Amino acid sequence: MSESVRIYINAKPVDVAASLTLLEAIEQWDSNQAAAIRSGERMITDSRGIPTTADAPVHNGAIFRIVRARQLTDEAEDNNL
């Protein structure tokens, strides 16, 4: 039996196996969101809004948000004006 951890995705608590990557955990939670991440339509950020890699390991209490991939690009372009 594998150890489980509680993570938060878009403010929802999700219990997953501690051995999963972030994308695997998202796939378990919502396969449509995982597909959108794979296609580049969406991306994962941490609780501070910093982009996170899909292959990152999950850990207890981690907070993630799934956002439109373009959202961060648009914000970066606005800051460069």
PDB file of N, CA and C in Angstrom:
ATOM      1  N   MET A   1       0.841  -1.180   0.000  1.00  0.00           N
ATOM      2  CA  MET A   1       0.000   0.000   0.000  1.00  0.00           C
ATOM      3  C   MET A   1       0.884   1.241   0.000  1.00  0.00           C
ATOM      4  N   SER A   2       0.607   2.153  -0.926  1.00  0.00           N
ATOM      5  CA  SER A   2       1.450   3.340  -1.005  1.00  0.00           C
ATOM      6  C   SER A   2       0.906   4.461  -0.123  1.00  0.00           C
ATOM      7  N   GLU A   3       1.800   5.284   0.332  1.00  0.00           N
ATOM      8  CA  GLU A   3       1.434   6.420   1.154  1.00  0.00           C
ATOM      9  C   GLU A   3       0.705   7.453   0.294  1.00  0.00           C
ATOM     10  N   SER A   4      -0.298   8.097   0.861  1.00  0.00           N
ATOM     11  CA  SER A   4      -0.987   9.148   0.120  1.00  0.00           C
ATOM     12  C   SER A   4      -0.686  10.502   0.750  1.00  0.00           C
ATOM     13  N   VAL A   5      -0.825  11.518  -0.074  1.00  0.00           N
ATOM     14  CA  VAL A   5      -0.627  12.889   0.382  1.00  0.00           C
ATOM     15  C   VAL A   5      -1.835  13.703  -0.060  1.00  0.00           C
ATOM     16  N   ARG A   6      -2.084  14.783   0.641  1.00  0.00           N
ATOM     17  CA  ARG A   6      -3.158  15.698   0.249  1.00  0.00           C
ATOM     18  C   ARG A   6      -2.520  16.916  -0.394  1.00  0.00           C
ATOM     19  N   ILE A   7      -2.955  17.181  -1.627  1.00  0.00           N
ATOM     20  CA  ILE A   7      -2.549  18.392  -2.325  1.00  0.00           C
ATOM     21  C   ILE A   7      -3.816  19.185  -2.631  1.00  0.00           C
ATOM     22  N   TYR A   8      -3.635  20.401  -3.084  1.00  0.00           N
ATOM     23  CA  TYR A   8      -4.772  21.241  -3.435  1.00  0.00           C
ATOM     24  C   TYR A   8      -4.607  21.686  -4.882  1.00  0.00           C
ATOM     25  N   ILE A   9      -5.638  21.439  -5.670  1.00  0.00           N
ATOM     26  CA  ILE A   9      -5.648  21.851  -7.067  1.00  0.00           C
ATOM     27  C   ILE A   9      -6.846  22.761  -7.253  1.00  0.00           C
ATOM     28  N   ASN A  10      -6.578  23.994  -7.649  1.00  0.00           N
ATOM     29  CA  ASN A  10      -7.653  24.985  -7.815  1.00  0.00           C
ATOM     30  C   ASN A  10      -8.532  25.044  -6.566  1.00  0.00           C
ATOM     31  N   ALA A  11      -7.892  25.072  -5.404  1.00  0.00           N
ATOM     32  CA  ALA A  11      -8.526  25.215  -4.091  1.00  0.00           C
ATOM     33  C   ALA A  11      -9.318  23.988  -3.641  1.00  0.00           C
ATOM     34  N   LYS A  12      -9.209  22.884  -4.367  1.00  0.00           N
ATOM     35  CA  LYS A  12      -9.915  21.666  -3.982  1.00  0.00           C
ATOM     36  C   LYS A  12      -8.922  20.654  -3.413  1.00  0.00           C
ATOM     37  N   PRO A  13      -9.230  20.074  -2.249  1.00  0.00           N
ATOM     38  CA  PRO A  13      -8.336  19.054  -1.696  1.00  0.00           C
ATOM     39  C   PRO A  13      -8.412  17.773  -2.509  1.00  0.00           C
ATOM     40  N   VAL A  14      -7.240  17.212  -2.797  1.00  0.00           N
ATOM     41  CA  VAL A  14      -7.155  15.990  -3.583  1.00  0.00           C
ATOM     42  C   VAL A  14      -6.153  15.061  -2.897  1.00  0.00           C
ATOM     43  N   ASP A  15      -6.580  13.851  -2.587  1.00  0.00           N
ATOM     44  CA  ASP A  15      -5.694  12.850  -1.997  1.00  0.00           C
ATOM     45  C   ASP A  15      -5.169  11.954  -3.101  1.00  0.00           C
ATOM     46  N   VAL A  16      -3.841  11.876  -3.222  1.00  0.00           N
ATOM     47  CA  VAL A  16      -3.198  11.090  -4.280  1.00  0.00           C
ATOM     48  C   VAL A  16      -2.029  10.302  -3.692  1.00  0.00           C
ATOM     49  N   ALA A  17      -1.571   9.326  -4.443  1.00  0.00           N
ATOM     50  CA  ALA A  17      -0.398   8.553  -4.016  1.00  0.00           C
ATOM     51  C   ALA A  17       0.827   9.459  -4.016  1.00  0.00           C
ATOM     52  N   ALA A  18       1.657   9.320  -3.021  1.00  0.00           N
ATOM     53  CA  ALA A  18       2.851  10.157  -2.880  1.00  0.00           C
ATOM     54  C   ALA A  18       3.849   9.936  -4.012  1.00  0.00           C
ATOM     55  N   SER A  19       3.731   8.836  -4.720  1.00  0.00           N
ATOM     56  CA  SER A  19       4.685   8.513  -5.790  1.00  0.00           C
ATOM     57  C   SER A  19       4.348   9.180  -7.125  1.00  0.00           C
ATOM     58  N   LEU A  20       3.217   9.869  -7.218  1.00  0.00           N
ATOM     59  CA  LEU A  20       2.791  10.450  -8.493  1.00  0.00           C
ATOM     60  C   LEU A  20       3.528  11.745  -8.825  1.00  0.00           C
ATOM     61  N   THR A  21       3.610  12.024 -10.130  1.00  0.00           N
ATOM     62  CA  THR A  21       4.044  13.349 -10.573  1.00  0.00           C
ATOM     63  C   THR A  21       2.825  14.260 -10.524  1.00  0.00           C
ATOM     64  N   LEU A  22       3.065  15.539 -10.658  1.00  0.00           N
ATOM     65  CA  LEU A  22       1.970  16.500 -10.628  1.00  0.00           C
ATOM     66  C   LEU A  22       0.968  16.236 -11.742  1.00  0.00           C
ATOM     67  N   LEU A  23       1.432  15.983 -12.958  1.00  0.00           N
ATOM     68  CA  LEU A  23       0.507  15.727 -14.061  1.00  0.00           C
ATOM     69  C   LEU A  23      -0.294  14.445 -13.834  1.00  0.00           C
ATOM     70  N   GLU A  24       0.330  13.430 -13.276  1.00  0.00           N
ATOM     71  CA  GLU A  24      -0.401  12.193 -12.967  1.00  0.00           C
ATOM     72  C   GLU A  24      -1.493  12.459 -11.926  1.00  0.00           C
ATOM     73  N   ALA A  25      -1.190  13.293 -10.939  1.00  0.00           N
ATOM     74  CA  ALA A  25      -2.180  13.643  -9.922  1.00  0.00           C
ATOM     75  C   ALA A  25      -3.338  14.428 -10.540  1.00  0.00           C
ATOM     76  N   ILE A  26      -3.009  15.348 -11.439  1.00  0.00           N
ATOM     77  CA  ILE A  26      -4.062  16.108 -12.116  1.00  0.00           C
ATOM     78  C   ILE A  26      -4.900  15.188 -12.992  1.00  0.00           C
ATOM     79  N   GLU A  27      -4.263  14.256 -13.664  1.00  0.00           N
ATOM     80  CA  GLU A  27      -4.979  13.272 -14.495  1.00  0.00           C
ATOM     81  C   GLU A  27      -5.970  12.491 -13.647  1.00  0.00           C
ATOM     82  N   GLN A  28      -5.556  12.088 -12.470  1.00  0.00           N
ATOM     83  CA  GLN A  28      -6.435  11.350 -11.563  1.00  0.00           C
ATOM     84  C   GLN A  28      -7.608  12.222 -11.126  1.00  0.00           C
ATOM     85  N   TRP A  29      -7.353  13.513 -10.900  1.00  0.00           N
ATOM     86  CA  TRP A  29      -8.373  14.458 -10.440  1.00  0.00           C
ATOM     87  C   TRP A  29      -9.322  14.859 -11.558  1.00  0.00           C
ATOM     88  N   ASP A  30      -8.769  15.216 -12.738  1.00  0.00           N
ATOM     89  CA  ASP A  30      -9.602  15.697 -13.848  1.00  0.00           C
ATOM     90  C   ASP A  30      -8.848  15.460 -15.158  1.00  0.00           C
ATOM     91  N   SER A  31      -9.250  14.443 -15.884  1.00  0.00           N
ATOM     92  CA  SER A  31      -8.532  14.087 -17.112  1.00  0.00           C
ATOM     93  C   SER A  31      -8.639  15.174 -18.183  1.00  0.00           C
ATOM     94  N   ASN A  32      -9.708  15.953 -18.191  1.00  0.00           N
ATOM     95  CA  ASN A  32      -9.833  17.050 -19.163  1.00  0.00           C
ATOM     96  C   ASN A  32      -8.792  18.140 -18.901  1.00  0.00           C
ATOM     97  N   GLN A  33      -8.567  18.460 -17.650  1.00  0.00           N
ATOM     98  CA  GLN A  33      -7.550  19.457 -17.308  1.00  0.00           C
ATOM     99  C   GLN A  33      -6.159  18.945 -17.675  1.00  0.00           C
ATOM    100  N   ALA A  34      -5.918  17.672 -17.430  1.00  0.00           N
ATOM    101  CA  ALA A  34      -4.617  17.085 -17.784  1.00  0.00           C
ATOM    102  C   ALA A  34      -4.392  17.147 -19.287  1.00  0.00           C
ATOM    103  N   ALA A  35      -5.427  16.871 -20.064  1.00  0.00           N
ATOM    104  CA  ALA A  35      -5.316  16.938 -21.526  1.00  0.00           C
ATOM    105  C   ALA A  35      -5.028  18.371 -21.979  1.00  0.00           C
ATOM    106  N   ALA A  36      -5.655  19.348 -21.339  1.00  0.00           N
ATOM    107  CA  ALA A  36      -5.426  20.753 -21.685  1.00  0.00           C
ATOM    108  C   ALA A  36      -3.991  21.174 -21.358  1.00  0.00           C
ATOM    109  N   ILE A  37      -3.425  20.623 -20.307  1.00  0.00           N
ATOM    110  CA  ILE A  37      -2.024  20.907 -19.956  1.00  0.00           C
ATOM    111  C   ILE A  37      -1.103  20.283 -20.996  1.00  0.00           C
ATOM    112  N   ARG A  38      -1.373  19.050 -21.362  1.00  0.00           N
ATOM    113  CA  ARG A  38      -0.545  18.376 -22.376  1.00  0.00           C
ATOM    114  C   ARG A  38      -0.571  19.108 -23.712  1.00  0.00           C
ATOM    115  N   SER A  39      -1.727  19.671 -24.070  1.00  0.00           N
ATOM    116  CA  SER A  39      -1.859  20.361 -25.358  1.00  0.00           C
ATOM    117  C   SER A  39      -1.271  21.766 -25.335  1.00  0.00           C
ATOM    118  N   GLY A  40      -0.943  22.281 -24.144  1.00  0.00           N
ATOM    119  CA  GLY A  40      -0.387  23.626 -24.033  1.00  0.00           C
ATOM    120  C   GLY A  40      -1.432  24.704 -23.841  1.00  0.00           C
ATOM    121  N   GLU A  41      -2.701  24.319 -23.787  1.00  0.00           N
ATOM    122  CA  GLU A  41      -3.781  25.284 -23.576  1.00  0.00           C
ATOM    123  C   GLU A  41      -3.773  25.817 -22.140  1.00  0.00           C
ATOM    124  N   ARG A  42      -3.414  24.956 -21.212  1.00  0.00           N
ATOM    125  CA  ARG A  42      -3.356  25.328 -19.795  1.00  0.00           C
ATOM    126  C   ARG A  42      -1.972  25.007 -19.252  1.00  0.00           C
ATOM    127  N   MET A  43      -1.651  25.636 -18.119  1.00  0.00           N
ATOM    128  CA  MET A  43      -0.388  25.352 -17.449  1.00  0.00           C
ATOM    129  C   MET A  43      -0.612  25.317 -15.949  1.00  0.00           C
ATOM    130  N   ILE A  44       0.376  24.827 -15.235  1.00  0.00           N
ATOM    131  CA  ILE A  44       0.280  24.668 -13.790  1.00  0.00           C
ATOM    132  C   ILE A  44       1.156  25.709 -13.123  1.00  0.00           C
ATOM    133  N   THR A  45       0.613  26.366 -12.096  1.00  0.00           N
ATOM    134  CA  THR A  45       1.411  27.271 -11.280  1.00  0.00           C
ATOM    135  C   THR A  45       1.337  26.811  -9.830  1.00  0.00           C
ATOM    136  N   ASP A  46       2.293  27.281  -9.046  1.00  0.00           N
ATOM    137  CA  ASP A  46       2.219  27.001  -7.614  1.00  0.00           C
ATOM    138  C   ASP A  46       1.332  28.056  -6.960  1.00  0.00           C
ATOM    139  N   SER A  47       1.284  28.064  -5.652  1.00  0.00           N
ATOM    140  CA  SER A  47       0.398  28.981  -4.931  1.00  0.00           C
ATOM    141  C   SER A  47       0.768  30.446  -5.129  1.00  0.00           C
ATOM    142  N   ARG A  48       2.001  30.704  -5.564  1.00  0.00           N
ATOM    143  CA  ARG A  48       2.440  32.091  -5.786  1.00  0.00           C
ATOM    144  C   ARG A  48       2.266  32.535  -7.227  1.00  0.00           C
ATOM    145  N   GLY A  49       1.801  31.628  -8.089  1.00  0.00           N
ATOM    146  CA  GLY A  49       1.635  31.954  -9.496  1.00  0.00           C
ATOM    147  C   GLY A  49       2.860  31.675 -10.336  1.00  0.00           C
ATOM    148  N   ILE A  50       3.839  30.999  -9.771  1.00  0.00           N
ATOM    149  CA  ILE A  50       5.063  30.667 -10.494  1.00  0.00           C
ATOM    150  C   ILE A  50       4.835  29.360 -11.256  1.00  0.00           C
ATOM    151  N   PRO A  51       5.125  29.335 -12.569  1.00  0.00           N
ATOM    152  CA  PRO A  51       4.926  28.106 -13.347  1.00  0.00           C
ATOM    153  C   PRO A  51       5.675  26.916 -12.744  1.00  0.00           C
ATOM    154  N   THR A  52       5.029  25.771 -12.776  1.00  0.00           N
ATOM    155  CA  THR A  52       5.567  24.538 -12.222  1.00  0.00           C
ATOM    156  C   THR A  52       5.588  23.475 -13.319  1.00  0.00           C
ATOM    157  N   THR A  53       6.594  22.639 -13.316  1.00  0.00           N
ATOM    158  CA  THR A  53       6.675  21.594 -14.337  1.00  0.00           C
ATOM    159  C   THR A  53       5.717  20.455 -14.014  1.00  0.00           C
ATOM    160  N   ALA A  54       5.188  19.856 -15.055  1.00  0.00           N
ATOM    161  CA  ALA A  54       4.219  18.772 -14.902  1.00  0.00           C
ATOM    162  C   ALA A  54       4.843  17.521 -14.305  1.00  0.00           C
ATOM    163  N   ASP A  55       6.147  17.366 -14.439  1.00  0.00           N
ATOM    164  CA  ASP A  55       6.800  16.162 -13.915  1.00  0.00           C
ATOM    165  C   ASP A  55       7.305  16.331 -12.479  1.00  0.00           C
ATOM    166  N   ALA A  56       6.956  17.442 -11.850  1.00  0.00           N
ATOM    167  CA  ALA A  56       7.360  17.673 -10.457  1.00  0.00           C
ATOM    168  C   ALA A  56       6.674  16.647  -9.549  1.00  0.00           C
ATOM    169  N   PRO A  57       7.371  16.186  -8.525  1.00  0.00           N
ATOM    170  CA  PRO A  57       6.729  15.256  -7.591  1.00  0.00           C
ATOM    171  C   PRO A  57       5.737  16.004  -6.697  1.00  0.00           C
ATOM    172  N   VAL A  58       4.703  15.321  -6.281  1.00  0.00           N
ATOM    173  CA  VAL A  58       3.744  15.934  -5.356  1.00  0.00           C
ATOM    174  C   VAL A  58       4.267  15.777  -3.932  1.00  0.00           C
ATOM    175  N   HIS A  59       3.843  16.683  -3.072  1.00  0.00           N
ATOM    176  CA  HIS A  59       4.174  16.556  -1.659  1.00  0.00           C
ATOM    177  C   HIS A  59       3.022  17.088  -0.826  1.00  0.00           C
ATOM    178  N   ASN A  60       2.919  16.597   0.379  1.00  0.00           N
ATOM    179  CA  ASN A  60       1.795  16.912   1.245  1.00  0.00           C
ATOM    180  C   ASN A  60       1.626  18.416   1.440  1.00  0.00           C
ATOM    181  N   GLY A  61       0.405  18.905   1.224  1.00  0.00           N
ATOM    182  CA  GLY A  61       0.080  20.307   1.452  1.00  0.00           C
ATOM    183  C   GLY A  61       0.374  21.235   0.294  1.00  0.00           C
ATOM    184  N   ALA A  62       0.926  20.723  -0.793  1.00  0.00           N
ATOM    185  CA  ALA A  62       1.256  21.573  -1.943  1.00  0.00           C
ATOM    186  C   ALA A  62      -0.019  22.146  -2.556  1.00  0.00           C
ATOM    187  N   ILE A  63       0.084  23.381  -3.028  1.00  0.00           N
ATOM    188  CA  ILE A  63      -1.043  24.081  -3.630  1.00  0.00           C
ATOM    189  C   ILE A  63      -0.695  24.403  -5.074  1.00  0.00           C
ATOM    190  N   PHE A  64      -1.594  24.012  -5.977  1.00  0.00           N
ATOM    191  CA  PHE A  64      -1.387  24.254  -7.400  1.00  0.00           C
ATOM    192  C   PHE A  64      -2.618  24.888  -8.007  1.00  0.00           C
ATOM    193  N   ARG A  65      -2.388  25.663  -9.047  1.00  0.00           N
ATOM    194  CA  ARG A  65      -3.480  26.244  -9.809  1.00  0.00           C
ATOM    195  C   ARG A  65      -3.273  25.904 -11.273  1.00  0.00           C
ATOM    196  N   ILE A  66      -4.369  25.650 -11.952  1.00  0.00           N
ATOM    197  CA  ILE A  66      -4.324  25.421 -13.388  1.00  0.00           C
ATOM    198  C   ILE A  66      -4.882  26.675 -14.046  1.00  0.00           C
ATOM    199  N   VAL A  67      -4.067  27.296 -14.879  1.00  0.00           N
ATOM    200  CA  VAL A  67      -4.440  28.567 -15.503  1.00  0.00           C
ATOM    201  C   VAL A  67      -4.292  28.467 -17.014  1.00  0.00           C
ATOM    202  N   ARG A  68      -4.924  29.404 -17.713  1.00  0.00           N
ATOM    203  CA  ARG A  68      -4.731  29.469 -19.160  1.00  0.00           C
ATOM    204  C   ARG A  68      -3.271  29.745 -19.434  1.00  0.00           C
ATOM    205  N   ALA A  69      -2.688  29.052 -20.367  1.00  0.00           N
ATOM    206  CA  ALA A  69      -1.274  29.248 -20.687  1.00  0.00           C
ATOM    207  C   ALA A  69      -1.032  30.662 -21.175  1.00  0.00           C
ATOM    208  N   ARG A  70      -1.951  31.213 -21.912  1.00  0.00           N
ATOM    209  CA  ARG A  70      -1.793  32.558 -22.454  1.00  0.00           C
ATOM    210  C   ARG A  70      -1.844  33.626 -21.365  1.00  0.00           C
ATOM    211  N   GLN A  71      -2.534  33.358 -20.275  1.00  0.00           N
ATOM    212  CA  GLN A  71      -2.676  34.324 -19.190  1.00  0.00           C
ATOM    213  C   GLN A  71      -1.320  34.835 -18.717  1.00  0.00           C
ATOM    214  N   LEU A  72      -0.371  33.944 -18.477  1.00  0.00           N
ATOM    215  CA  LEU A  72       0.941  34.368 -18.001  1.00  0.00           C
ATOM    216  C   LEU A  72       1.721  35.082 -19.105  1.00  0.00           C
ATOM    217  N   THR A  73       1.562  34.651 -20.346  1.00  0.00           N
ATOM    218  CA  THR A  73       2.232  35.307 -21.468  1.00  0.00           C
ATOM    219  C   THR A  73       1.738  36.735 -21.613  1.00  0.00           C
ATOM    220  N   ASP A  74       0.417  36.920 -21.546  1.00  0.00           N
ATOM    221  CA  ASP A  74      -0.175  38.263 -21.665  1.00  0.00           C
ATOM    222  C   ASP A  74       0.311  39.176 -20.549  1.00  0.00           C
ATOM    223  N   GLU A  75       0.375  38.668 -19.319  1.00  0.00           N
ATOM    224  CA  GLU A  75       0.830  39.475 -18.189  1.00  0.00           C
ATOM    225  C   GLU A  75       2.290  39.883 -18.373  1.00  0.00           C
ATOM    226  N   ALA A  76       3.123  38.988 -18.864  1.00  0.00           N
ATOM    227  CA  ALA A  76       4.536  39.311 -19.073  1.00  0.00           C
ATOM    228  C   ALA A  76       4.670  40.379 -20.139  1.00  0.00           C
ATOM    229  N   GLU A  77       3.886  40.305 -21.209  1.00  0.00           N
ATOM    230  CA  GLU A  77       3.952  41.317 -22.269  1.00  0.00           C
ATOM    231  C   GLU A  77       3.476  42.680 -21.744  1.00  0.00           C
ATOM    232  N   ASP A  78       2.438  42.687 -20.903  1.00  0.00           N
ATOM    233  CA  ASP A  78       1.947  43.936 -20.337  1.00  0.00           C
ATOM    234  C   ASP A  78       2.995  44.608 -19.470  1.00  0.00           C
ATOM    235  N   ASN A  79       3.770  43.827 -18.733  1.00  0.00           N
ATOM    236  CA  ASN A  79       4.791  44.381 -17.853  1.00  0.00           C
ATOM    237  C   ASN A  79       5.988  44.947 -18.632  1.00  0.00           C
ATOM    238  N   ASN A  80       6.134  44.557 -19.883  1.00  0.00           N
ATOM    239  CA  ASN A  80       7.262  45.032 -20.694  1.00  0.00           C
ATOM    240  C   ASN A  80       6.939  46.295 -21.487  1.00  0.00           C
ATOM    241  N   LEU A  81       5.747  46.835 -21.334  1.00  0.00           N
ATOM    242  CA  LEU A  81       5.384  48.044 -22.087  1.00  0.00           C
ATOM    243  C   LEU A  81       6.081  49.260 -21.572  1.00  0.00           C
TER     244      LEU A  81
END
